[in-house]
Amino acid sequence: MSAGTRKGRIFRILILACAATVLGASYAFDATRRLRDASRGTEDPGDVIADFQKPDFLAYVRRRQKQSDLRLERVSVGDLLPESSARYCEIPLRYGDPFYRCAVIGEEVVIVDPSTGRVIQVLD
């Protein structure tokens, strides 16, 4: 292997390592910000699932059919769900933030902060 080829490989490895570091730091910063906001009681992190993603996401959740045992008629943003009867499913990265979970309560799909049980978003 020539010295030029070796330098080229090292250069590519360094570029990939820098990109991975930047992406990892960005993800860690965002997760840290969300944890800090949650500990301060901030209840408005914005919509986790964007409007254009709602139809696909609702179809995804309905295919999984994880109905919670809660017997609530209406759920709104800021409500606390009891741990014992709520069944959460993960949110795939393509739809939103993997830090949050979703649950089906009655006929509504809600996005929940699993560390607190607080409803973040209610999907129509």
PDB file of N, CA and C in Angstrom:
ATOM      1  N   MET A   1       0.856  -1.157   0.000  1.00  0.00           N
ATOM      2  CA  MET A   1       0.000   0.000   0.000  1.00  0.00           C
ATOM      3  C   MET A   1       0.912   1.234   0.000  1.00  0.00           C
ATOM      4  N   SER A   2       0.619   2.161  -0.885  1.00  0.00           N
ATOM      5  CA  SER A   2       1.458   3.356  -0.993  1.00  0.00           C
ATOM      6  C   SER A   2       1.125   4.350   0.104  1.00  0.00           C
ATOM      7  N   ALA A   3       2.014   5.290   0.306  1.00  0.00           N
ATOM      8  CA  ALA A   3       1.824   6.304   1.349  1.00  0.00           C
ATOM      9  C   ALA A   3       0.615   7.188   1.027  1.00  0.00           C
ATOM     10  N   GLY A   4       0.370   7.470  -0.255  1.00  0.00           N
ATOM     11  CA  GLY A   4      -0.772   8.291  -0.650  1.00  0.00           C
ATOM     12  C   GLY A   4      -2.098   7.603  -0.347  1.00  0.00           C
ATOM     13  N   THR A   5      -2.162   6.289  -0.604  1.00  0.00           N
ATOM     14  CA  THR A   5      -3.374   5.535  -0.321  1.00  0.00           C
ATOM     15  C   THR A   5      -3.627   5.484   1.180  1.00  0.00           C
ATOM     16  N   ARG A   6      -2.588   5.286   1.956  1.00  0.00           N
ATOM     17  CA  ARG A   6      -2.715   5.235   3.405  1.00  0.00           C
ATOM     18  C   ARG A   6      -3.196   6.584   3.958  1.00  0.00           C
ATOM     19  N   LYS A   7      -2.643   7.683   3.438  1.00  0.00           N
ATOM     20  CA  LYS A   7      -3.068   9.012   3.885  1.00  0.00           C
ATOM     21  C   LYS A   7      -4.525   9.268   3.508  1.00  0.00           C
ATOM     22  N   GLY A   8      -4.940   8.803   2.344  1.00  0.00           N
ATOM     23  CA  GLY A   8      -6.326   8.973   1.914  1.00  0.00           C
ATOM     24  C   GLY A   8      -7.291   8.233   2.831  1.00  0.00           C
ATOM     25  N   ARG A   9      -6.930   7.016   3.207  1.00  0.00           N
ATOM     26  CA  ARG A   9      -7.775   6.244   4.120  1.00  0.00           C
ATOM     27  C   ARG A   9      -7.851   6.892   5.495  1.00  0.00           C
ATOM     28  N   ILE A  10      -6.712   7.347   5.982  1.00  0.00           N
ATOM     29  CA  ILE A  10      -6.701   8.007   7.289  1.00  0.00           C
ATOM     30  C   ILE A  10      -7.556   9.272   7.242  1.00  0.00           C
ATOM     31  N   PHE A  11      -7.456  10.027   6.165  1.00  0.00           N
ATOM     32  CA  PHE A  11      -8.241  11.249   6.010  1.00  0.00           C
ATOM     33  C   PHE A  11      -9.741  10.933   6.011  1.00  0.00           C
ATOM     34  N   ARG A  12     -10.146   9.900   5.284  1.00  0.00           N
ATOM     35  CA  ARG A  12     -11.566   9.519   5.253  1.00  0.00           C
ATOM     36  C   ARG A  12     -12.051   9.072   6.629  1.00  0.00           C
ATOM     37  N   ILE A  13     -11.226   8.317   7.339  1.00  0.00           N
ATOM     38  CA  ILE A  13     -11.595   7.869   8.680  1.00  0.00           C
ATOM     39  C   ILE A  13     -11.753   9.063   9.621  1.00  0.00           C
ATOM     40  N   LEU A  14     -10.850  10.027   9.512  1.00  0.00           N
ATOM     41  CA  LEU A  14     -10.949  11.216  10.357  1.00  0.00           C
ATOM     42  C   LEU A  14     -12.211  12.024  10.040  1.00  0.00           C
ATOM     43  N   ILE A  15     -12.554  12.150   8.781  1.00  0.00           N
ATOM     44  CA  ILE A  15     -13.765  12.881   8.384  1.00  0.00           C
ATOM     45  C   ILE A  15     -15.004  12.170   8.944  1.00  0.00           C
ATOM     46  N   LEU A  16     -15.078  10.852   8.814  1.00  0.00           N
ATOM     47  CA  LEU A  16     -16.212  10.101   9.350  1.00  0.00           C
ATOM     48  C   LEU A  16     -16.286  10.195  10.873  1.00  0.00           C
ATOM     49  N   ALA A  17     -15.157  10.149  11.537  1.00  0.00           N
ATOM     50  CA  ALA A  17     -15.142  10.270  12.997  1.00  0.00           C
ATOM     51  C   ALA A  17     -15.625  11.647  13.436  1.00  0.00           C
ATOM     52  N   CYS A  18     -15.214  12.685  12.727  1.00  0.00           N
ATOM     53  CA  CYS A  18     -15.680  14.038  13.056  1.00  0.00           C
ATOM     54  C   CYS A  18     -17.182  14.170  12.834  1.00  0.00           C
ATOM     55  N   ALA A  19     -17.678  13.616  11.734  1.00  0.00           N
ATOM     56  CA  ALA A  19     -19.116  13.681  11.455  1.00  0.00           C
ATOM     57  C   ALA A  19     -19.901  12.929  12.522  1.00  0.00           C
ATOM     58  N   ALA A  20     -19.422  11.768  12.918  1.00  0.00           N
ATOM     59  CA  ALA A  20     -20.110  10.989  13.950  1.00  0.00           C
ATOM     60  C   ALA A  20     -20.102  11.735  15.286  1.00  0.00           C
ATOM     61  N   THR A  21     -19.004  12.395  15.591  1.00  0.00           N
ATOM     62  CA  THR A  21     -18.917  13.160  16.835  1.00  0.00           C
ATOM     63  C   THR A  21     -19.903  14.318  16.836  1.00  0.00           C
ATOM     64  N   VAL A  22     -19.980  15.043  15.724  1.00  0.00           N
ATOM     65  CA  VAL A  22     -20.899  16.179  15.628  1.00  0.00           C
ATOM     66  C   VAL A  22     -22.343  15.707  15.733  1.00  0.00           C
ATOM     67  N   LEU A  23     -22.699  14.633  15.027  1.00  0.00           N
ATOM     68  CA  LEU A  23     -24.069  14.126  15.087  1.00  0.00           C
ATOM     69  C   LEU A  23     -24.409  13.605  16.483  1.00  0.00           C
ATOM     70  N   GLY A  24     -23.496  12.904  17.099  1.00  0.00           N
ATOM     71  CA  GLY A  24     -23.722  12.398  18.449  1.00  0.00           C
ATOM     72  C   GLY A  24     -23.863  13.525  19.459  1.00  0.00           C
ATOM     73  N   ALA A  25     -23.037  14.548  19.323  1.00  0.00           N
ATOM     74  CA  ALA A  25     -23.121  15.684  20.232  1.00  0.00           C
ATOM     75  C   ALA A  25     -24.442  16.419  20.055  1.00  0.00           C
ATOM     76  N   SER A  26     -24.897  16.547  18.829  1.00  0.00           N
ATOM     77  CA  SER A  26     -26.170  17.204  18.556  1.00  0.00           C
ATOM     78  C   SER A  26     -27.324  16.437  19.192  1.00  0.00           C
ATOM     79  N   TYR A  27     -27.330  15.126  19.043  1.00  0.00           N
ATOM     80  CA  TYR A  27     -28.371  14.297  19.634  1.00  0.00           C
ATOM     81  C   TYR A  27     -28.321  14.378  21.152  1.00  0.00           C
ATOM     82  N   ALA A  28     -27.123  14.316  21.727  1.00  0.00           N
ATOM     83  CA  ALA A  28     -26.970  14.384  23.181  1.00  0.00           C
ATOM     84  C   ALA A  28     -27.420  15.744  23.708  1.00  0.00           C
ATOM     85  N   PHE A  29     -27.101  16.817  22.989  1.00  0.00           N
ATOM     86  CA  PHE A  29     -27.524  18.151  23.411  1.00  0.00           C
ATOM     87  C   PHE A  29     -29.042  18.256  23.424  1.00  0.00           C
ATOM     88  N   ASP A  30     -29.688  17.737  22.388  1.00  0.00           N
ATOM     89  CA  ASP A  30     -31.145  17.796  22.313  1.00  0.00           C
ATOM     90  C   ASP A  30     -31.783  16.976  23.434  1.00  0.00           C
ATOM     91  N   ALA A  31     -31.257  15.784  23.684  1.00  0.00           N
ATOM     92  CA  ALA A  31     -31.796  14.933  24.756  1.00  0.00           C
ATOM     93  C   ALA A  31     -31.589  15.601  26.112  1.00  0.00           C
ATOM     94  N   THR A  32     -30.446  16.226  26.317  1.00  0.00           N
ATOM     95  CA  THR A  32     -30.174  16.917  27.572  1.00  0.00           C
ATOM     96  C   THR A  32     -31.118  18.092  27.763  1.00  0.00           C
ATOM     97  N   ARG A  33     -31.374  18.835  26.690  1.00  0.00           N
ATOM     98  CA  ARG A  33     -32.298  19.969  26.756  1.00  0.00           C
ATOM     99  C   ARG A  33     -33.694  19.495  27.130  1.00  0.00           C
ATOM    100  N   ARG A  34     -34.135  18.400  26.528  1.00  0.00           N
ATOM    101  CA  ARG A  34     -35.467  17.878  26.843  1.00  0.00           C
ATOM    102  C   ARG A  34     -35.553  17.393  28.281  1.00  0.00           C
ATOM    103  N   LEU A  35     -34.510  16.741  28.775  1.00  0.00           N
ATOM    104  CA  LEU A  35     -34.513  16.297  30.166  1.00  0.00           C
ATOM    105  C   LEU A  35     -34.524  17.489  31.124  1.00  0.00           C
ATOM    106  N   ARG A  36     -33.744  18.512  30.800  1.00  0.00           N
ATOM    107  CA  ARG A  36     -33.712  19.699  31.632  1.00  0.00           C
ATOM    108  C   ARG A  36     -35.076  20.382  31.646  1.00  0.00           C
ATOM    109  N   ASP A  37     -35.710  20.498  30.489  1.00  0.00           N
ATOM    110  CA  ASP A  37     -37.035  21.109  30.416  1.00  0.00           C
ATOM    111  C   ASP A  37     -38.058  20.295  31.192  1.00  0.00           C
ATOM    112  N   ALA A  38     -37.953  18.979  31.122  1.00  0.00           N
ATOM    113  CA  ALA A  38     -38.893  18.126  31.846  1.00  0.00           C
ATOM    114  C   ALA A  38     -38.708  18.282  33.354  1.00  0.00           C
ATOM    115  N   SER A  39     -37.478  18.411  33.804  1.00  0.00           N
ATOM    116  CA  SER A  39     -37.241  18.548  35.243  1.00  0.00           C
ATOM    117  C   SER A  39     -37.695  19.903  35.759  1.00  0.00           C
ATOM    118  N   ARG A  40     -37.728  20.908  34.893  1.00  0.00           N
ATOM    119  CA  ARG A  40     -38.204  22.237  35.286  1.00  0.00           C
ATOM    120  C   ARG A  40     -39.719  22.339  35.224  1.00  0.00           C
ATOM    121  N   GLY A  41     -40.364  21.318  34.697  1.00  0.00           N
ATOM    122  CA  GLY A  41     -41.816  21.356  34.611  1.00  0.00           C
ATOM    123  C   GLY A  41     -42.319  22.000  33.330  1.00  0.00           C
ATOM    124  N   THR A  42     -41.473  22.199  32.357  1.00  0.00           N
ATOM    125  CA  THR A  42     -41.913  22.773  31.092  1.00  0.00           C
ATOM    126  C   THR A  42     -42.816  21.768  30.403  1.00  0.00           C
ATOM    127  N   GLU A  43     -44.024  22.187  30.062  1.00  0.00           N
ATOM    128  CA  GLU A  43     -44.995  21.255  29.516  1.00  0.00           C
ATOM    129  C   GLU A  43     -45.252  21.469  28.029  1.00  0.00           C
ATOM    130  N   ASP A  44     -44.549  22.379  27.406  1.00  0.00           N
ATOM    131  CA  ASP A  44     -44.832  22.673  26.008  1.00  0.00           C
ATOM    132  C   ASP A  44     -43.585  22.489  25.151  1.00  0.00           C
ATOM    133  N   PRO A  45     -43.152  21.258  24.921  1.00  0.00           N
ATOM    134  CA  PRO A  45     -41.991  21.050  24.083  1.00  0.00           C
ATOM    135  C   PRO A  45     -42.311  21.150  22.596  1.00  0.00           C
ATOM    136  N   GLY A  46     -43.568  21.402  22.256  1.00  0.00           N
ATOM    137  CA  GLY A  46     -43.968  21.452  20.853  1.00  0.00           C
ATOM    138  C   GLY A  46     -44.535  20.117  20.430  1.00  0.00           C
ATOM    139  N   ASP A  47     -44.995  20.073  19.213  1.00  0.00           N
ATOM    140  CA  ASP A  47     -45.555  18.836  18.698  1.00  0.00           C
ATOM    141  C   ASP A  47     -44.444  17.842  18.387  1.00  0.00           C
ATOM    142  N   VAL A  48     -44.589  16.665  18.910  1.00  0.00           N
ATOM    143  CA  VAL A  48     -43.619  15.610  18.636  1.00  0.00           C
ATOM    144  C   VAL A  48     -43.879  15.036  17.241  1.00  0.00           C
ATOM    145  N   ILE A  49     -45.155  14.814  16.935  1.00  0.00           N
ATOM    146  CA  ILE A  49     -45.549  14.304  15.625  1.00  0.00           C
ATOM    147  C   ILE A  49     -46.065  15.485  14.808  1.00  0.00           C
ATOM    148  N   ALA A  50     -45.432  15.749  13.678  1.00  0.00           N
ATOM    149  CA  ALA A  50     -45.823  16.866  12.816  1.00  0.00           C
ATOM    150  C   ALA A  50     -47.156  16.559  12.129  1.00  0.00           C
ATOM    151  N   ASP A  51     -47.851  17.609  11.716  1.00  0.00           N
ATOM    152  CA  ASP A  51     -49.165  17.449  11.079  1.00  0.00           C
ATOM    153  C   ASP A  51     -49.117  16.542   9.854  1.00  0.00           C
ATOM    154  N   PHE A  52     -48.082  16.689   9.033  1.00  0.00           N
ATOM    155  CA  PHE A  52     -48.021  15.886   7.810  1.00  0.00           C
ATOM    156  C   PHE A  52     -47.730  14.413   8.094  1.00  0.00           C
ATOM    157  N   GLN A  53     -47.221  14.098   9.293  1.00  0.00           N
ATOM    158  CA  GLN A  53     -46.914  12.715   9.663  1.00  0.00           C
ATOM    159  C   GLN A  53     -48.062  12.013  10.387  1.00  0.00           C
ATOM    160  N   LYS A  54     -49.061  12.766  10.834  1.00  0.00           N
ATOM    161  CA  LYS A  54     -50.125  12.187  11.656  1.00  0.00           C
ATOM    162  C   LYS A  54     -50.851  11.014  11.007  1.00  0.00           C
ATOM    163  N   PRO A  55     -51.289  11.098   9.734  1.00  0.00           N
ATOM    164  CA  PRO A  55     -52.008   9.944   9.167  1.00  0.00           C
ATOM    165  C   PRO A  55     -51.179   8.657   9.166  1.00  0.00           C
ATOM    166  N   ASP A  56     -49.915   8.758   8.760  1.00  0.00           N
ATOM    167  CA  ASP A  56     -49.054   7.573   8.744  1.00  0.00           C
ATOM    168  C   ASP A  56     -48.785   7.060  10.153  1.00  0.00           C
ATOM    169  N   PHE A  57     -48.567   7.979  11.083  1.00  0.00           N
ATOM    170  CA  PHE A  57     -48.281   7.570  12.453  1.00  0.00           C
ATOM    171  C   PHE A  57     -49.495   6.907  13.093  1.00  0.00           C
ATOM    172  N   LEU A  58     -50.680   7.463  12.881  1.00  0.00           N
ATOM    173  CA  LEU A  58     -51.899   6.870  13.438  1.00  0.00           C
ATOM    174  C   LEU A  58     -52.129   5.465  12.871  1.00  0.00           C
ATOM    175  N   ALA A  59     -51.857   5.281  11.582  1.00  0.00           N
ATOM    176  CA  ALA A  59     -51.981   3.947  10.985  1.00  0.00           C
ATOM    177  C   ALA A  59     -50.971   2.984  11.618  1.00  0.00           C
ATOM    178  N   TYR A  60     -49.756   3.465  11.866  1.00  0.00           N
ATOM    179  CA  TYR A  60     -48.725   2.647  12.511  1.00  0.00           C
ATOM    180  C   TYR A  60     -49.182   2.206  13.902  1.00  0.00           C
ATOM    181  N   VAL A  61     -49.723   3.139  14.676  1.00  0.00           N
ATOM    182  CA  VAL A  61     -50.158   2.823  16.049  1.00  0.00           C
ATOM    183  C   VAL A  61     -51.326   1.854  16.032  1.00  0.00           C
ATOM    184  N   ARG A  62     -52.254   2.042  15.131  1.00  0.00           N
ATOM    185  CA  ARG A  62     -53.429   1.163  15.067  1.00  0.00           C
ATOM    186  C   ARG A  62     -53.043  -0.262  14.642  1.00  0.00           C
ATOM    187  N   ARG A  63     -52.006  -0.395  13.815  1.00  0.00           N
ATOM    188  CA  ARG A  63     -51.527  -1.731  13.439  1.00  0.00           C
ATOM    189  C   ARG A  63     -50.963  -2.459  14.661  1.00  0.00           C
ATOM    190  N   ARG A  64     -50.344  -1.718  15.556  1.00  0.00           N
ATOM    191  CA  ARG A  64     -49.765  -2.335  16.760  1.00  0.00           C
ATOM    192  C   ARG A  64     -50.840  -2.701  17.769  1.00  0.00           C
ATOM    193  N   GLN A  65     -51.956  -2.003  17.761  1.00  0.00           N
ATOM    194  CA  GLN A  65     -53.138  -2.275  18.596  1.00  0.00           C
ATOM    195  C   GLN A  65     -52.787  -2.532  20.058  1.00  0.00           C
ATOM    196  N   LYS A  66     -52.153  -1.555  20.671  1.00  0.00           N
ATOM    197  CA  LYS A  66     -51.851  -1.642  22.100  1.00  0.00           C
ATOM    198  C   LYS A  66     -52.797  -0.714  22.842  1.00  0.00           C
ATOM    199  N   GLN A  67     -53.979  -1.194  23.116  1.00  0.00           N
ATOM    200  CA  GLN A  67     -54.982  -0.413  23.836  1.00  0.00           C
ATOM    201  C   GLN A  67     -54.646  -0.421  25.324  1.00  0.00           C
ATOM    202  N   SER A  68     -54.647   0.743  25.944  1.00  0.00           N
ATOM    203  CA  SER A  68     -54.399   0.821  27.380  1.00  0.00           C
ATOM    204  C   SER A  68     -55.653   0.429  28.141  1.00  0.00           C
ATOM    205  N   ASP A  69     -55.462   0.030  29.376  1.00  0.00           N
ATOM    206  CA  ASP A  69     -56.584  -0.376  30.221  1.00  0.00           C
ATOM    207  C   ASP A  69     -57.291   0.812  30.878  1.00  0.00           C
ATOM    208  N   LEU A  70     -56.831   2.013  30.605  1.00  0.00           N
ATOM    209  CA  LEU A  70     -57.435   3.192  31.211  1.00  0.00           C
ATOM    210  C   LEU A  70     -58.842   3.416  30.669  1.00  0.00           C
ATOM    211  N   ARG A  71     -59.724   3.784  31.535  1.00  0.00           N
ATOM    212  CA  ARG A  71     -61.112   4.061  31.146  1.00  0.00           C
ATOM    213  C   ARG A  71     -61.379   5.554  31.287  1.00  0.00           C
ATOM    214  N   LEU A  72     -60.674   6.352  30.502  1.00  0.00           N
ATOM    215  CA  LEU A  72     -60.864   7.795  30.516  1.00  0.00           C
ATOM    216  C   LEU A  72     -61.660   8.208  29.291  1.00  0.00           C
ATOM    217  N   GLU A  73     -62.569   9.150  29.461  1.00  0.00           N
ATOM    218  CA  GLU A  73     -63.355   9.612  28.320  1.00  0.00           C
ATOM    219  C   GLU A  73     -62.584  10.613  27.488  1.00  0.00           C
ATOM    220  N   ARG A  74     -61.828  11.466  28.153  1.00  0.00           N
ATOM    221  CA  ARG A  74     -61.107  12.501  27.432  1.00  0.00           C
ATOM    222  C   ARG A  74     -59.733  12.699  28.069  1.00  0.00           C
ATOM    223  N   VAL A  75     -58.726  12.857  27.224  1.00  0.00           N
ATOM    224  CA  VAL A  75     -57.365  13.099  27.671  1.00  0.00           C
ATOM    225  C   VAL A  75     -56.914  14.408  27.049  1.00  0.00           C
ATOM    226  N   SER A  76     -56.223  15.221  27.819  1.00  0.00           N
ATOM    227  CA  SER A  76     -55.721  16.482  27.278  1.00  0.00           C
ATOM    228  C   SER A  76     -54.251  16.651  27.639  1.00  0.00           C
ATOM    229  N   VAL A  77     -53.602  17.592  26.955  1.00  0.00           N
ATOM    230  CA  VAL A  77     -52.184  17.866  27.183  1.00  0.00           C
ATOM    231  C   VAL A  77     -51.992  18.300  28.632  1.00  0.00           C
ATOM    232  N   GLY A  78     -50.996  17.723  29.282  1.00  0.00           N
ATOM    233  CA  GLY A  78     -50.698  18.043  30.671  1.00  0.00           C
ATOM    234  C   GLY A  78     -51.246  17.030  31.669  1.00  0.00           C
ATOM    235  N   ASP A  79     -52.184  16.180  31.245  1.00  0.00           N
ATOM    236  CA  ASP A  79     -52.720  15.155  32.139  1.00  0.00           C
ATOM    237  C   ASP A  79     -51.630  14.143  32.496  1.00  0.00           C
ATOM    238  N   LEU A  80     -51.713  13.603  33.689  1.00  0.00           N
ATOM    239  CA  LEU A  80     -50.804  12.544  34.115  1.00  0.00           C
ATOM    240  C   LEU A  80     -51.506  11.205  33.983  1.00  0.00           C
ATOM    241  N   LEU A  81     -50.832  10.255  33.345  1.00  0.00           N
ATOM    242  CA  LEU A  81     -51.387   8.911  33.197  1.00  0.00           C
ATOM    243  C   LEU A  81     -50.825   8.022  34.301  1.00  0.00           C
ATOM    244  N   PRO A  82     -51.663   7.189  34.900  1.00  0.00           N
ATOM    245  CA  PRO A  82     -51.156   6.268  35.919  1.00  0.00           C
ATOM    246  C   PRO A  82     -50.257   5.213  35.284  1.00  0.00           C
ATOM    247  N   GLU A  83     -49.186   4.890  35.979  1.00  0.00           N
ATOM    248  CA  GLU A  83     -48.211   3.928  35.446  1.00  0.00           C
ATOM    249  C   GLU A  83     -48.781   2.522  35.297  1.00  0.00           C
ATOM    250  N   SER A  84     -49.647   2.142  36.204  1.00  0.00           N
ATOM    251  CA  SER A  84     -50.082   0.751  36.254  1.00  0.00           C
ATOM    252  C   SER A  84     -50.942   0.321  35.072  1.00  0.00           C
ATOM    253  N   SER A  85     -51.713   1.222  34.492  1.00  0.00           N
ATOM    254  CA  SER A  85     -52.641   0.799  33.451  1.00  0.00           C
ATOM    255  C   SER A  85     -52.354   1.378  32.076  1.00  0.00           C
ATOM    256  N   ALA A  86     -51.288   2.122  31.925  1.00  0.00           N
ATOM    257  CA  ALA A  86     -50.951   2.688  30.617  1.00  0.00           C
ATOM    258  C   ALA A  86     -49.957   1.773  29.908  1.00  0.00           C
ATOM    259  N   ARG A  87     -50.255   1.463  28.664  1.00  0.00           N
ATOM    260  CA  ARG A  87     -49.351   0.654  27.834  1.00  0.00           C
ATOM    261  C   ARG A  87     -48.737   1.567  26.783  1.00  0.00           C
ATOM    262  N   TYR A  88     -47.443   1.666  26.822  1.00  0.00           N
ATOM    263  CA  TYR A  88     -46.729   2.547  25.908  1.00  0.00           C
ATOM    264  C   TYR A  88     -46.098   1.760  24.777  1.00  0.00           C
ATOM    265  N   CYS A  89     -45.997   2.401  23.627  1.00  0.00           N
ATOM    266  CA  CYS A  89     -45.203   1.826  22.544  1.00  0.00           C
ATOM    267  C   CYS A  89     -44.217   2.891  22.077  1.00  0.00           C
ATOM    268  N   GLU A  90     -43.118   2.433  21.540  1.00  0.00           N
ATOM    269  CA  GLU A  90     -42.064   3.343  21.109  1.00  0.00           C
ATOM    270  C   GLU A  90     -42.475   4.108  19.872  1.00  0.00           C
ATOM    271  N   ILE A  91     -41.895   5.285  19.719  1.00  0.00           N
ATOM    272  CA  ILE A  91     -42.099   6.099  18.520  1.00  0.00           C
ATOM    273  C   ILE A  91     -40.884   5.895  17.636  1.00  0.00           C
ATOM    274  N   PRO A  92     -41.084   5.361  16.431  1.00  0.00           N
ATOM    275  CA  PRO A  92     -39.940   5.196  15.531  1.00  0.00           C
ATOM    276  C   PRO A  92     -39.309   6.547  15.199  1.00  0.00           C
ATOM    277  N   LEU A  93     -38.026   6.551  14.986  1.00  0.00           N
ATOM    278  CA  LEU A  93     -37.279   7.777  14.723  1.00  0.00           C
ATOM    279  C   LEU A  93     -37.827   8.536  13.515  1.00  0.00           C
ATOM    280  N   ARG A  94     -38.377   7.832  12.539  1.00  0.00           N
ATOM    281  CA  ARG A  94     -38.881   8.509  11.339  1.00  0.00           C
ATOM    282  C   ARG A  94     -40.097   9.385  11.619  1.00  0.00           C
ATOM    283  N   TYR A  95     -40.781   9.157  12.730  1.00  0.00           N
ATOM    284  CA  TYR A  95     -41.965   9.947  13.066  1.00  0.00           C
ATOM    285  C   TYR A  95     -41.691  11.073  14.052  1.00  0.00           C
ATOM    286  N   GLY A  96     -40.741  10.915  14.901  1.00  0.00           N
ATOM    287  CA  GLY A  96     -40.533  11.964  15.892  1.00  0.00           C
ATOM    288  C   GLY A  96     -39.421  11.626  16.849  1.00  0.00           C
ATOM    289  N   ASP A  97     -39.547  12.132  18.036  1.00  0.00           N
ATOM    290  CA  ASP A  97     -38.521  12.002  19.048  1.00  0.00           C
ATOM    291  C   ASP A  97     -38.610  10.646  19.746  1.00  0.00           C
ATOM    292  N   PRO A  98     -37.549   9.842  19.714  1.00  0.00           N
ATOM    293  CA  PRO A  98     -37.598   8.520  20.347  1.00  0.00           C
ATOM    294  C   PRO A  98     -37.597   8.593  21.877  1.00  0.00           C
ATOM    295  N   PHE A  99     -37.409   9.795  22.430  1.00  0.00           N
ATOM    296  CA  PHE A  99     -37.436   9.955  23.878  1.00  0.00           C
ATOM    297  C   PHE A  99     -38.847   9.748  24.428  1.00  0.00           C
ATOM    298  N   TYR A 100     -39.864  10.121  23.653  1.00  0.00           N
ATOM    299  CA  TYR A 100     -41.250  10.013  24.084  1.00  0.00           C
ATOM    300  C   TYR A 100     -41.843   8.671  23.683  1.00  0.00           C
ATOM    301  N   ARG A 101     -43.020   8.341  24.226  1.00  0.00           N
ATOM    302  CA  ARG A 101     -43.744   7.119  23.893  1.00  0.00           C
ATOM    303  C   ARG A 101     -45.167   7.496  23.524  1.00  0.00           C
ATOM    304  N   CYS A 102     -45.884   6.589  22.903  1.00  0.00           N
ATOM    305  CA  CYS A 102     -47.288   6.844  22.580  1.00  0.00           C
ATOM    306  C   CYS A 102     -48.145   5.802  23.303  1.00  0.00           C
ATOM    307  N   ALA A 103     -49.401   6.182  23.499  1.00  0.00           N
ATOM    308  CA  ALA A 103     -50.357   5.293  24.148  1.00  0.00           C
ATOM    309  C   ALA A 103     -51.714   5.526  23.513  1.00  0.00           C
ATOM    310  N   VAL A 104     -52.541   4.487  23.506  1.00  0.00           N
ATOM    311  CA  VAL A 104     -53.903   4.600  23.001  1.00  0.00           C
ATOM    312  C   VAL A 104     -54.822   4.612  24.221  1.00  0.00           C
ATOM    313  N   ILE A 105     -55.526   5.720  24.390  1.00  0.00           N
ATOM    314  CA  ILE A 105     -56.445   5.896  25.512  1.00  0.00           C
ATOM    315  C   ILE A 105     -57.832   6.084  24.921  1.00  0.00           C
ATOM    316  N   GLY A 106     -58.683   5.100  25.073  1.00  0.00           N
ATOM    317  CA  GLY A 106     -60.007   5.166  24.445  1.00  0.00           C
ATOM    318  C   GLY A 106     -59.852   5.169  22.930  1.00  0.00           C
ATOM    319  N   GLU A 107     -60.305   6.224  22.297  1.00  0.00           N
ATOM    320  CA  GLU A 107     -60.175   6.371  20.846  1.00  0.00           C
ATOM    321  C   GLU A 107     -59.046   7.320  20.463  1.00  0.00           C
ATOM    322  N   GLU A 108     -58.330   7.850  21.446  1.00  0.00           N
ATOM    323  CA  GLU A 108     -57.303   8.853  21.183  1.00  0.00           C
ATOM    324  C   GLU A 108     -55.909   8.259  21.307  1.00  0.00           C
ATOM    325  N   VAL A 109     -55.036   8.743  20.445  1.00  0.00           N
ATOM    326  CA  VAL A 109     -53.621   8.394  20.513  1.00  0.00           C
ATOM    327  C   VAL A 109     -52.915   9.593  21.130  1.00  0.00           C
ATOM    328  N   VAL A 110     -52.144   9.343  22.177  1.00  0.00           N
ATOM    329  CA  VAL A 110     -51.462  10.429  22.868  1.00  0.00           C
ATOM    330  C   VAL A 110     -49.961  10.162  22.910  1.00  0.00           C
ATOM    331  N   ILE A 111     -49.202  11.253  22.935  1.00  0.00           N
ATOM    332  CA  ILE A 111     -47.754  11.185  23.098  1.00  0.00           C
ATOM    333  C   ILE A 111     -47.464  11.520  24.555  1.00  0.00           C
ATOM    334  N   VAL A 112     -46.641  10.689  25.196  1.00  0.00           N
ATOM    335  CA  VAL A 112     -46.419  10.783  26.634  1.00  0.00           C
ATOM    336  C   VAL A 112     -44.924  10.834  26.925  1.00  0.00           C
ATOM    337  N   ASP A 113     -44.563  11.619  27.928  1.00  0.00           N
ATOM    338  CA  ASP A 113     -43.204  11.594  28.462  1.00  0.00           C
ATOM    339  C   ASP A 113     -43.154  10.421  29.436  1.00  0.00           C
ATOM    340  N   PRO A 114     -42.430   9.352  29.116  1.00  0.00           N
ATOM    341  CA  PRO A 114     -42.478   8.149  29.959  1.00  0.00           C
ATOM    342  C   PRO A 114     -41.874   8.338  31.342  1.00  0.00           C
ATOM    343  N   SER A 115     -41.017   9.328  31.510  1.00  0.00           N
ATOM    344  CA  SER A 115     -40.405   9.517  32.841  1.00  0.00           C
ATOM    345  C   SER A 115     -41.380  10.147  33.826  1.00  0.00           C
ATOM    346  N   THR A 116     -42.356  10.908  33.325  1.00  0.00           N
ATOM    347  CA  THR A 116     -43.311  11.562  34.210  1.00  0.00           C
ATOM    348  C   THR A 116     -44.732  11.065  34.042  1.00  0.00           C
ATOM    349  N   GLY A 117     -45.047  10.440  32.893  1.00  0.00           N
ATOM    350  CA  GLY A 117     -46.414  10.012  32.606  1.00  0.00           C
ATOM    351  C   GLY A 117     -47.291  11.154  32.140  1.00  0.00           C
ATOM    352  N   ARG A 118     -46.705  12.309  31.822  1.00  0.00           N
ATOM    353  CA  ARG A 118     -47.459  13.489  31.407  1.00  0.00           C
ATOM    354  C   ARG A 118     -47.726  13.447  29.903  1.00  0.00           C
ATOM    355  N   VAL A 119     -48.972  13.752  29.518  1.00  0.00           N
ATOM    356  CA  VAL A 119     -49.367  13.794  28.114  1.00  0.00           C
ATOM    357  C   VAL A 119     -48.775  15.050  27.474  1.00  0.00           C
ATOM    358  N   ILE A 120     -48.046  14.851  26.384  1.00  0.00           N
ATOM    359  CA  ILE A 120     -47.379  15.945  25.680  1.00  0.00           C
ATOM    360  C   ILE A 120     -48.203  16.407  24.490  1.00  0.00           C
ATOM    361  N   GLN A 121     -48.843  15.458  23.807  1.00  0.00           N
ATOM    362  CA  GLN A 121     -49.601  15.782  22.591  1.00  0.00           C
ATOM    363  C   GLN A 121     -50.754  14.782  22.449  1.00  0.00           C
ATOM    364  N   VAL A 122     -51.887  15.281  22.022  1.00  0.00           N
ATOM    365  CA  VAL A 122     -53.050  14.436  21.720  1.00  0.00           C
ATOM    366  C   VAL A 122     -53.274  14.499  20.224  1.00  0.00           C
ATOM    367  N   LEU A 123     -53.305  13.333  19.572  1.00  0.00           N
ATOM    368  CA  LEU A 123     -53.497  13.281  18.121  1.00  0.00           C
ATOM    369  C   LEU A 123     -54.953  13.030  17.809  1.00  0.00           C
ATOM    370  N   ASP A 124     -55.473  13.766  16.882  1.00  0.00           N
ATOM    371  CA  ASP A 124     -56.888  13.615  16.471  1.00  0.00           C
ATOM    372  C   ASP A 124     -57.077  12.398  15.621  1.00  0.00           C
TER     373      ASP A 124
END
